[in-house]
């Protein structure tokens, strides 16, 4: 479901899919070939949410733009999510930026003003503390989360770019659009 907030309405790429049981409202832009799964809430009220192409936002995620200090200065925040990003089931994202080719693990929480570089994995259940800057190619885990080292080759499959081959996203979106509710 798409909804307005303060006169702003979401903009969704024509090739993207937003599940009818997701709620996307306000100043939100969803790039081409992106998929928003059921139960997800994306809110652009205190700021804007910009999701690039080929992003998968799985079930029950919460994405919100709005840092308290921006609000206090009467400024709008921006949550920017790069290309080829997967945000796992139940994640809560309140960051500034997530780079390209990033996997955010299930039930992780990313707090305000976090900046995540390219080619990173945030482990399932991680709590990324406010203001953390994650360098490119990092593996992050823990509560509170810390950089555990460089991304290992065995984990790189989760963040590889498909080098212009959009067939995975095209086929996956087609299957979502063809699916039916039974019962």
N, C-alpha and C. Protein backbone atom coordinates (compact mmCIF):
# COMPACT_ATOMS: atom_id res chain seq x y z
N UNK A 1 0.85 -1.15 0.00
CA UNK A 1 0.00 0.00 0.00
C UNK A 1 0.90 1.23 0.00
N UNK A 2 0.55 2.21 -0.81
CA UNK A 2 1.28 3.47 -0.87
C UNK A 2 0.43 4.54 -0.21
N UNK A 3 1.07 5.42 0.56
CA UNK A 3 0.34 6.48 1.23
C UNK A 3 1.12 7.78 1.22
N UNK A 4 0.41 8.88 1.27
CA UNK A 4 1.05 10.19 1.29
C UNK A 4 1.34 10.61 2.72
N UNK A 5 2.27 11.55 2.85
CA UNK A 5 2.54 12.19 4.14
C UNK A 5 2.98 13.61 3.85
N UNK A 6 2.29 14.57 4.43
CA UNK A 6 2.62 15.98 4.28
C UNK A 6 2.76 16.39 2.81
N UNK A 7 1.87 15.85 1.99
CA UNK A 7 1.83 16.21 0.58
C UNK A 7 2.82 15.47 -0.30
N UNK A 8 3.62 14.59 0.26
CA UNK A 8 4.60 13.83 -0.52
C UNK A 8 4.09 12.41 -0.70
N UNK A 9 4.30 11.86 -1.91
CA UNK A 9 3.86 10.50 -2.21
C UNK A 9 5.06 9.68 -2.71
N UNK A 10 5.06 8.38 -2.44
CA UNK A 10 6.15 7.53 -2.90
C UNK A 10 6.24 7.49 -4.42
N UNK A 11 7.47 7.33 -4.91
CA UNK A 11 7.74 7.14 -6.32
C UNK A 11 8.39 5.77 -6.48
N UNK A 12 7.75 4.93 -7.27
CA UNK A 12 8.19 3.54 -7.41
C UNK A 12 8.53 3.28 -8.87
N UNK A 13 9.73 2.72 -9.12
CA UNK A 13 10.14 2.38 -10.48
C UNK A 13 9.14 1.44 -11.13
N UNK A 14 8.90 1.62 -12.42
CA UNK A 14 7.89 0.81 -13.13
C UNK A 14 8.19 -0.67 -13.10
N UNK A 15 9.47 -1.05 -13.04
CA UNK A 15 9.83 -2.46 -13.05
C UNK A 15 9.91 -3.05 -11.64
N UNK A 16 9.63 -2.26 -10.62
CA UNK A 16 9.72 -2.72 -9.23
C UNK A 16 8.40 -3.31 -8.77
N UNK A 17 8.45 -3.96 -7.60
CA UNK A 17 7.25 -4.57 -7.03
C UNK A 17 7.17 -4.23 -5.55
N UNK A 18 6.05 -3.64 -5.14
CA UNK A 18 5.75 -3.39 -3.73
C UNK A 18 4.56 -4.27 -3.38
N UNK A 19 4.76 -5.20 -2.46
CA UNK A 19 3.68 -6.11 -2.07
C UNK A 19 2.53 -5.31 -1.48
N UNK A 20 1.28 -5.70 -1.78
CA UNK A 20 0.14 -4.95 -1.26
C UNK A 20 0.05 -4.92 0.27
N UNK A 21 0.72 -5.83 0.96
CA UNK A 21 0.72 -5.82 2.43
C UNK A 21 1.93 -5.11 3.01
N UNK A 22 2.69 -4.42 2.18
CA UNK A 22 3.73 -3.51 2.66
C UNK A 22 3.11 -2.13 2.74
N UNK A 23 3.70 -1.25 3.55
CA UNK A 23 3.19 0.12 3.65
C UNK A 23 4.35 1.08 3.40
N UNK A 24 4.25 1.82 2.31
CA UNK A 24 5.27 2.78 1.90
C UNK A 24 4.60 4.14 1.87
N UNK A 25 5.10 5.10 2.67
CA UNK A 25 4.42 6.38 2.74
C UNK A 25 5.40 7.55 2.79
N UNK A 26 4.97 8.65 2.18
CA UNK A 26 5.72 9.88 2.24
C UNK A 26 6.78 9.99 1.18
N UNK A 27 7.88 10.67 1.52
CA UNK A 27 8.95 10.99 0.60
C UNK A 27 9.88 9.78 0.43
N UNK A 28 9.42 8.83 -0.38
CA UNK A 28 10.15 7.58 -0.60
C UNK A 28 10.31 7.39 -2.11
N UNK A 29 11.53 7.03 -2.52
CA UNK A 29 11.79 6.70 -3.92
C UNK A 29 12.36 5.29 -3.97
N UNK A 30 11.73 4.44 -4.78
CA UNK A 30 12.18 3.05 -4.94
C UNK A 30 12.64 2.88 -6.38
N UNK A 31 13.90 2.54 -6.57
CA UNK A 31 14.50 2.41 -7.89
C UNK A 31 13.99 1.19 -8.65
N UNK A 32 14.39 1.10 -9.90
CA UNK A 32 13.98 0.01 -10.78
C UNK A 32 14.43 -1.34 -10.25
N UNK A 33 13.65 -2.36 -10.57
CA UNK A 33 13.94 -3.77 -10.27
C UNK A 33 14.15 -4.04 -8.78
N UNK A 34 13.46 -3.29 -7.95
CA UNK A 34 13.53 -3.51 -6.51
C UNK A 34 12.25 -4.18 -6.03
N UNK A 35 12.34 -4.88 -4.90
CA UNK A 35 11.22 -5.67 -4.39
C UNK A 35 11.03 -5.35 -2.91
N UNK A 36 9.80 -5.01 -2.55
CA UNK A 36 9.44 -4.74 -1.15
C UNK A 36 8.48 -5.82 -0.72
N UNK A 37 8.88 -6.65 0.24
CA UNK A 37 8.11 -7.81 0.67
C UNK A 37 7.01 -7.42 1.66
N UNK A 38 6.09 -8.36 1.93
CA UNK A 38 4.96 -8.06 2.83
C UNK A 38 5.41 -7.72 4.26
N UNK A 39 4.60 -6.88 4.90
CA UNK A 39 4.85 -6.52 6.29
C UNK A 39 5.87 -5.41 6.47
N UNK A 40 6.51 -5.00 5.40
CA UNK A 40 7.53 -3.97 5.50
C UNK A 40 6.88 -2.59 5.60
N UNK A 41 7.51 -1.72 6.40
CA UNK A 41 7.06 -0.34 6.54
C UNK A 41 8.24 0.58 6.18
N UNK A 42 8.01 1.45 5.21
CA UNK A 42 9.04 2.42 4.80
C UNK A 42 8.41 3.80 4.90
N UNK A 43 8.99 4.67 5.74
CA UNK A 43 8.39 5.97 6.01
C UNK A 43 9.37 7.10 5.72
N UNK A 44 8.94 8.01 4.85
CA UNK A 44 9.66 9.24 4.59
C UNK A 44 8.85 10.40 5.12
N UNK A 45 8.94 10.64 6.42
CA UNK A 45 8.19 11.74 7.03
C UNK A 45 9.14 12.86 7.46
N UNK A 46 10.07 12.58 8.35
CA UNK A 46 11.03 13.57 8.81
C UNK A 46 12.18 13.73 7.82
N UNK A 47 12.17 12.91 6.79
CA UNK A 47 13.21 12.94 5.77
C UNK A 47 12.80 12.07 4.60
N UNK A 48 13.74 11.86 3.70
CA UNK A 48 13.48 11.08 2.49
C UNK A 48 14.20 9.74 2.57
N UNK A 49 13.58 8.73 1.97
CA UNK A 49 14.19 7.41 1.82
C UNK A 49 14.40 7.19 0.33
N UNK A 50 15.65 6.92 -0.06
CA UNK A 50 15.96 6.68 -1.47
C UNK A 50 16.57 5.29 -1.58
N UNK A 51 15.86 4.39 -2.26
CA UNK A 51 16.32 3.02 -2.47
C UNK A 51 16.72 2.89 -3.93
N UNK A 52 17.95 2.49 -4.18
CA UNK A 52 18.45 2.37 -5.56
C UNK A 52 17.91 1.12 -6.23
N UNK A 53 18.41 0.81 -7.39
CA UNK A 53 17.93 -0.32 -8.19
C UNK A 53 18.40 -1.66 -7.60
N UNK A 54 17.63 -2.67 -7.90
CA UNK A 54 17.95 -4.05 -7.52
C UNK A 54 18.14 -4.23 -6.02
N UNK A 55 17.22 -3.67 -5.25
CA UNK A 55 17.24 -3.87 -3.80
C UNK A 55 16.10 -4.81 -3.43
N UNK A 56 16.36 -5.65 -2.45
CA UNK A 56 15.33 -6.55 -1.93
C UNK A 56 15.17 -6.23 -0.44
N UNK A 57 13.98 -5.77 -0.08
CA UNK A 57 13.67 -5.46 1.31
C UNK A 57 12.69 -6.54 1.77
N UNK A 58 13.15 -7.46 2.61
CA UNK A 58 12.38 -8.65 2.96
C UNK A 58 11.29 -8.36 4.00
N UNK A 59 10.51 -9.40 4.34
CA UNK A 59 9.35 -9.30 5.23
C UNK A 59 9.67 -8.56 6.52
N UNK A 60 8.71 -7.70 6.91
CA UNK A 60 8.67 -7.08 8.23
C UNK A 60 9.85 -6.18 8.56
N UNK A 61 10.47 -5.61 7.55
CA UNK A 61 11.52 -4.61 7.78
C UNK A 61 10.89 -3.26 8.07
N UNK A 62 11.63 -2.42 8.80
CA UNK A 62 11.22 -1.05 9.05
C UNK A 62 12.36 -0.15 8.60
N UNK A 63 12.07 0.75 7.65
CA UNK A 63 13.04 1.73 7.18
C UNK A 63 12.47 3.11 7.44
N UNK A 64 13.28 3.98 8.06
CA UNK A 64 12.78 5.31 8.41
C UNK A 64 13.92 6.31 8.30
N UNK A 65 13.64 7.44 7.68
CA UNK A 65 14.61 8.54 7.63
C UNK A 65 14.23 9.56 8.68
N UNK A 66 15.21 10.02 9.42
CA UNK A 66 14.93 11.06 10.39
C UNK A 66 15.85 10.97 11.58
N UNK A 67 16.86 11.82 11.61
CA UNK A 67 17.75 11.89 12.76
C UNK A 67 17.26 13.02 13.67
N UNK A 68 17.32 12.81 14.97
CA UNK A 68 16.81 13.80 15.94
C UNK A 68 17.47 15.16 15.75
N UNK A 69 18.79 15.20 15.55
CA UNK A 69 19.45 16.50 15.41
C UNK A 69 19.01 17.23 14.15
N UNK A 70 18.68 16.49 13.09
CA UNK A 70 18.14 17.14 11.88
C UNK A 70 16.78 17.75 12.20
N UNK A 71 15.96 16.99 12.90
CA UNK A 71 14.63 17.47 13.25
C UNK A 71 14.71 18.72 14.12
N UNK A 72 15.64 18.72 15.09
CA UNK A 72 15.80 19.87 15.97
C UNK A 72 16.26 21.12 15.21
N UNK A 73 17.02 20.92 14.10
CA UNK A 73 17.49 22.05 13.28
C UNK A 73 16.53 22.34 12.13
N UNK A 74 15.37 21.67 12.15
CA UNK A 74 14.37 21.84 11.10
C UNK A 74 14.93 21.49 9.72
N UNK A 75 15.77 20.44 9.69
CA UNK A 75 16.33 19.93 8.44
C UNK A 75 15.77 18.55 8.17
N UNK A 76 15.71 18.21 6.90
CA UNK A 76 15.24 16.88 6.53
C UNK A 76 16.42 15.93 6.42
N UNK A 77 16.25 14.72 6.89
CA UNK A 77 17.27 13.68 6.81
C UNK A 77 17.13 12.92 5.50
N UNK A 78 18.16 12.13 5.17
CA UNK A 78 18.12 11.24 4.02
C UNK A 78 18.64 9.88 4.43
N UNK A 79 17.86 8.85 4.14
CA UNK A 79 18.32 7.47 4.23
C UNK A 79 18.49 7.00 2.80
N UNK A 80 19.74 6.73 2.41
CA UNK A 80 20.03 6.33 1.04
C UNK A 80 20.57 4.90 1.02
N UNK A 81 19.93 4.05 0.21
CA UNK A 81 20.30 2.65 0.11
C UNK A 81 20.80 2.39 -1.31
N UNK A 82 21.98 1.79 -1.42
CA UNK A 82 22.63 1.59 -2.71
C UNK A 82 22.03 0.47 -3.54
N UNK A 83 22.71 0.15 -4.63
CA UNK A 83 22.28 -0.89 -5.56
C UNK A 83 22.66 -2.28 -5.06
N UNK A 84 21.86 -3.27 -5.46
CA UNK A 84 22.12 -4.68 -5.13
C UNK A 84 22.25 -4.89 -3.62
N UNK A 85 21.33 -4.32 -2.88
CA UNK A 85 21.30 -4.45 -1.42
C UNK A 85 20.16 -5.38 -1.04
N UNK A 86 20.42 -6.27 -0.09
CA UNK A 86 19.36 -7.09 0.50
C UNK A 86 19.28 -6.74 1.98
N UNK A 87 18.07 -6.40 2.42
CA UNK A 87 17.84 -6.14 3.84
C UNK A 87 16.97 -7.28 4.35
N UNK A 88 17.54 -8.09 5.24
CA UNK A 88 16.93 -9.34 5.69
C UNK A 88 15.72 -9.16 6.57
N UNK A 89 14.94 -10.22 6.69
CA UNK A 89 13.69 -10.26 7.44
C UNK A 89 13.81 -9.57 8.80
N UNK A 90 12.87 -8.67 9.08
CA UNK A 90 12.77 -8.07 10.40
C UNK A 90 13.81 -7.04 10.75
N UNK A 91 14.63 -6.61 9.81
CA UNK A 91 15.65 -5.60 10.12
C UNK A 91 15.00 -4.23 10.33
N UNK A 92 15.62 -3.44 11.20
CA UNK A 92 15.21 -2.06 11.43
C UNK A 92 16.37 -1.17 11.00
N UNK A 93 16.09 -0.27 10.05
CA UNK A 93 17.15 0.57 9.48
C UNK A 93 16.77 2.03 9.66
N UNK A 94 17.63 2.75 10.40
CA UNK A 94 17.42 4.17 10.66
C UNK A 94 18.71 4.92 10.35
N UNK A 95 19.47 4.45 9.39
CA UNK A 95 20.81 4.93 9.09
C UNK A 95 20.79 6.16 8.19
N UNK A 96 21.98 6.62 7.83
CA UNK A 96 22.15 7.67 6.82
C UNK A 96 22.35 7.04 5.45
N UNK A 97 23.23 6.01 5.39
CA UNK A 97 23.51 5.42 4.08
C UNK A 97 23.96 3.97 4.20
N UNK A 98 23.54 3.19 3.20
CA UNK A 98 23.99 1.82 3.03
C UNK A 98 24.54 1.77 1.61
N UNK A 99 25.77 1.33 1.47
CA UNK A 99 26.44 1.33 0.17
C UNK A 99 25.87 0.30 -0.79
N UNK A 100 26.59 0.09 -1.88
CA UNK A 100 26.22 -0.89 -2.90
C UNK A 100 26.68 -2.29 -2.48
N UNK A 101 25.90 -3.28 -2.89
CA UNK A 101 26.25 -4.70 -2.66
C UNK A 101 26.45 -4.97 -1.16
N UNK A 102 25.40 -4.70 -0.40
CA UNK A 102 25.43 -4.91 1.06
C UNK A 102 24.32 -5.88 1.43
N UNK A 103 24.61 -6.78 2.36
CA UNK A 103 23.63 -7.67 2.95
C UNK A 103 23.46 -7.27 4.40
N UNK A 104 22.24 -6.86 4.75
CA UNK A 104 21.89 -6.54 6.14
C UNK A 104 21.15 -7.77 6.66
N UNK A 105 21.71 -8.43 7.66
CA UNK A 105 21.17 -9.69 8.15
C UNK A 105 19.84 -9.56 8.87
N UNK A 106 19.17 -10.69 8.97
CA UNK A 106 17.85 -10.77 9.61
C UNK A 106 17.90 -10.23 11.04
N UNK A 107 16.84 -9.49 11.40
CA UNK A 107 16.65 -8.97 12.75
C UNK A 107 17.80 -8.11 13.25
N UNK A 108 18.56 -7.54 12.34
CA UNK A 108 19.59 -6.59 12.76
C UNK A 108 18.94 -5.21 12.93
N UNK A 109 19.61 -4.36 13.68
CA UNK A 109 19.14 -3.00 13.91
C UNK A 109 20.28 -2.05 13.60
N UNK A 110 19.99 -1.08 12.75
CA UNK A 110 20.99 -0.08 12.36
C UNK A 110 20.46 1.27 12.81
N UNK A 111 21.16 1.87 13.78
CA UNK A 111 20.67 3.09 14.41
C UNK A 111 21.02 4.35 13.61
N UNK A 112 20.62 5.50 14.14
CA UNK A 112 20.77 6.79 13.46
C UNK A 112 22.21 7.10 13.09
N UNK A 113 22.35 7.81 11.96
CA UNK A 113 23.62 8.36 11.49
C UNK A 113 24.68 7.32 11.14
N UNK A 114 24.29 6.08 10.95
CA UNK A 114 25.23 5.04 10.53
C UNK A 114 25.47 5.17 9.03
N UNK A 115 26.72 4.96 8.63
CA UNK A 115 27.11 4.94 7.22
C UNK A 115 27.83 3.63 6.96
N UNK A 116 27.27 2.84 6.05
CA UNK A 116 27.84 1.52 5.71
C UNK A 116 28.42 1.62 4.31
N UNK A 117 29.66 1.21 4.13
CA UNK A 117 30.32 1.25 2.84
C UNK A 117 29.83 0.17 1.89
N UNK A 118 30.49 0.04 0.75
CA UNK A 118 30.16 -0.96 -0.26
C UNK A 118 30.68 -2.34 0.15
N UNK A 119 30.04 -3.38 -0.40
CA UNK A 119 30.50 -4.77 -0.24
C UNK A 119 30.65 -5.18 1.22
N UNK A 120 29.62 -4.94 2.00
CA UNK A 120 29.66 -5.27 3.44
C UNK A 120 28.56 -6.26 3.78
N UNK A 121 28.79 -6.98 4.86
CA UNK A 121 27.75 -7.82 5.45
C UNK A 121 27.57 -7.39 6.90
N UNK A 122 26.31 -7.13 7.25
CA UNK A 122 25.93 -6.88 8.64
C UNK A 122 25.27 -8.17 9.12
N UNK A 123 25.85 -8.83 10.08
CA UNK A 123 25.38 -10.15 10.52
C UNK A 123 23.98 -10.09 11.11
N UNK A 124 23.29 -11.21 11.02
CA UNK A 124 21.95 -11.33 11.62
C UNK A 124 22.03 -10.99 13.10
N UNK A 125 21.05 -10.22 13.56
CA UNK A 125 20.97 -9.87 14.97
C UNK A 125 21.92 -8.79 15.44
N UNK A 126 22.72 -8.23 14.54
CA UNK A 126 23.67 -7.19 14.94
C UNK A 126 22.93 -5.93 15.36
N UNK A 127 23.52 -5.18 16.28
CA UNK A 127 23.03 -3.87 16.69
C UNK A 127 24.13 -2.87 16.35
N UNK A 128 23.95 -2.18 15.22
CA UNK A 128 24.96 -1.23 14.75
C UNK A 128 24.70 0.10 15.47
N UNK A 129 25.66 0.53 16.32
CA UNK A 129 25.41 1.69 17.17
C UNK A 129 25.37 3.01 16.40
N UNK A 130 24.70 3.96 17.00
CA UNK A 130 24.52 5.28 16.42
C UNK A 130 25.86 5.87 15.99
N UNK A 131 25.89 6.39 14.75
CA UNK A 131 27.06 7.10 14.24
C UNK A 131 28.20 6.24 13.71
N UNK A 132 28.08 4.93 13.74
CA UNK A 132 29.17 4.06 13.29
C UNK A 132 29.41 4.25 11.79
N UNK A 133 30.68 4.28 11.38
CA UNK A 133 31.08 4.36 9.98
C UNK A 133 31.73 3.01 9.64
N UNK A 134 31.10 2.26 8.74
CA UNK A 134 31.58 0.92 8.38
C UNK A 134 32.36 1.01 7.07
N UNK A 135 33.66 0.66 7.08
CA UNK A 135 34.46 0.76 5.86
C UNK A 135 34.04 -0.28 4.80
N UNK A 136 34.33 0.02 3.54
CA UNK A 136 34.07 -0.91 2.44
C UNK A 136 34.65 -2.29 2.76
N UNK A 137 33.95 -3.34 2.32
CA UNK A 137 34.46 -4.70 2.43
C UNK A 137 34.50 -5.27 3.83
N UNK A 138 33.65 -4.79 4.72
CA UNK A 138 33.70 -5.21 6.13
C UNK A 138 32.65 -6.26 6.46
N UNK A 139 33.00 -7.09 7.43
CA UNK A 139 32.07 -8.01 8.08
C UNK A 139 31.82 -7.44 9.47
N UNK A 140 30.53 -7.19 9.78
CA UNK A 140 30.15 -6.53 11.03
C UNK A 140 29.22 -7.46 11.80
N UNK A 141 29.46 -7.63 13.10
CA UNK A 141 28.61 -8.51 13.91
C UNK A 141 28.68 -8.08 15.37
N UNK A 142 27.68 -8.51 16.14
CA UNK A 142 27.70 -8.32 17.58
C UNK A 142 26.69 -7.33 18.10
N UNK A 143 26.59 -7.30 19.44
CA UNK A 143 25.72 -6.37 20.15
C UNK A 143 26.56 -5.77 21.28
N UNK A 144 27.05 -4.56 21.16
CA UNK A 144 26.97 -3.72 19.98
C UNK A 144 27.86 -4.25 18.86
N UNK A 145 27.51 -3.91 17.64
CA UNK A 145 28.25 -4.41 16.48
C UNK A 145 29.63 -3.77 16.39
N UNK A 146 30.56 -4.58 15.91
CA UNK A 146 31.93 -4.13 15.65
C UNK A 146 32.37 -4.73 14.32
N UNK A 147 33.31 -4.07 13.67
CA UNK A 147 33.89 -4.63 12.45
C UNK A 147 34.76 -5.81 12.88
N UNK A 148 34.42 -6.99 12.37
CA UNK A 148 35.15 -8.21 12.75
C UNK A 148 36.31 -8.50 11.80
N UNK A 149 36.37 -7.77 10.71
CA UNK A 149 37.45 -7.95 9.75
C UNK A 149 36.95 -7.73 8.34
N UNK A 150 37.83 -8.04 7.41
CA UNK A 150 37.47 -7.92 5.99
C UNK A 150 36.55 -9.07 5.62
N UNK A 151 35.70 -8.81 4.63
CA UNK A 151 34.78 -9.82 4.13
C UNK A 151 35.57 -10.98 3.54
N UNK A 152 35.24 -12.20 3.94
CA UNK A 152 35.93 -13.38 3.43
C UNK A 152 35.28 -13.84 2.13
N UNK A 153 36.03 -14.49 1.30
CA UNK A 153 35.54 -14.93 -0.01
C UNK A 153 34.30 -15.82 0.12
N UNK A 154 34.22 -16.64 1.15
CA UNK A 154 33.06 -17.53 1.32
C UNK A 154 31.76 -16.76 1.58
N UNK A 155 31.89 -15.51 2.06
CA UNK A 155 30.70 -14.69 2.31
C UNK A 155 30.41 -13.73 1.16
N UNK A 156 31.36 -13.57 0.26
CA UNK A 156 31.24 -12.58 -0.82
C UNK A 156 30.10 -12.88 -1.77
N UNK A 157 29.64 -14.14 -1.83
CA UNK A 157 28.52 -14.48 -2.71
C UNK A 157 27.28 -13.65 -2.38
N UNK A 158 27.15 -13.22 -1.13
CA UNK A 158 25.98 -12.46 -0.71
C UNK A 158 26.00 -11.02 -1.21
N UNK A 159 27.16 -10.54 -1.61
CA UNK A 159 27.27 -9.13 -2.00
C UNK A 159 27.85 -8.93 -3.39
N UNK A 160 27.91 -9.97 -4.20
CA UNK A 160 28.43 -9.82 -5.56
C UNK A 160 27.44 -9.08 -6.44
N UNK A 161 28.00 -8.27 -7.32
CA UNK A 161 27.18 -7.59 -8.31
C UNK A 161 26.96 -8.55 -9.47
N UNK A 162 25.78 -8.49 -10.06
CA UNK A 162 25.47 -9.38 -11.17
C UNK A 162 25.88 -8.77 -12.51
N UNK A 163 26.73 -7.74 -12.48
CA UNK A 163 27.34 -7.12 -13.65
C UNK A 163 26.38 -6.95 -14.82
N UNK A 164 25.31 -6.21 -14.55
CA UNK A 164 24.38 -5.88 -15.61
C UNK A 164 23.40 -6.97 -15.97
N UNK A 165 23.49 -8.14 -15.33
CA UNK A 165 22.55 -9.22 -15.60
C UNK A 165 21.38 -9.08 -14.62
N UNK A 166 20.30 -8.47 -15.12
CA UNK A 166 19.14 -8.21 -14.30
C UNK A 166 18.12 -9.34 -14.34
N UNK A 167 18.45 -10.45 -15.01
CA UNK A 167 17.47 -11.52 -15.21
C UNK A 167 16.95 -12.10 -13.90
N UNK A 168 17.80 -12.19 -12.87
CA UNK A 168 17.36 -12.69 -11.56
C UNK A 168 16.22 -11.82 -11.02
N UNK A 169 16.42 -10.50 -11.01
CA UNK A 169 15.43 -9.57 -10.48
C UNK A 169 14.16 -9.58 -11.34
N UNK A 170 14.33 -9.60 -12.65
CA UNK A 170 13.17 -9.61 -13.56
C UNK A 170 12.32 -10.85 -13.32
N UNK A 171 12.95 -12.01 -13.24
CA UNK A 171 12.21 -13.25 -13.03
C UNK A 171 11.56 -13.29 -11.64
N UNK A 172 12.28 -12.82 -10.63
CA UNK A 172 11.76 -12.83 -9.27
C UNK A 172 10.55 -11.91 -9.14
N UNK A 173 10.63 -10.73 -9.73
CA UNK A 173 9.50 -9.79 -9.70
C UNK A 173 8.31 -10.38 -10.45
N UNK A 174 8.57 -11.03 -11.57
CA UNK A 174 7.48 -11.68 -12.32
C UNK A 174 6.77 -12.69 -11.44
N UNK A 175 7.50 -13.51 -10.72
CA UNK A 175 6.90 -14.52 -9.84
C UNK A 175 6.08 -13.87 -8.73
N UNK A 176 6.57 -12.76 -8.16
CA UNK A 176 5.81 -12.05 -7.13
C UNK A 176 4.49 -11.53 -7.70
N UNK A 177 4.57 -10.95 -8.90
CA UNK A 177 3.36 -10.38 -9.52
C UNK A 177 2.34 -11.45 -9.88
N UNK A 178 2.81 -12.66 -10.21
CA UNK A 178 1.91 -13.76 -10.60
C UNK A 178 1.37 -14.51 -9.40
N UNK A 179 1.93 -14.32 -8.22
CA UNK A 179 1.49 -15.09 -7.04
C UNK A 179 0.10 -14.66 -6.62
N UNK A 180 -0.62 -15.58 -6.02
CA UNK A 180 -2.01 -15.36 -5.60
C UNK A 180 -2.16 -15.71 -4.12
N UNK A 181 -3.11 -15.04 -3.49
CA UNK A 181 -3.48 -15.39 -2.11
C UNK A 181 -4.46 -16.56 -2.17
N UNK A 182 -4.21 -17.58 -1.39
CA UNK A 182 -5.06 -18.77 -1.38
C UNK A 182 -5.72 -18.86 0.00
N UNK A 183 -7.04 -19.05 -0.01
CA UNK A 183 -7.71 -19.25 1.26
C UNK A 183 -8.79 -18.29 1.57
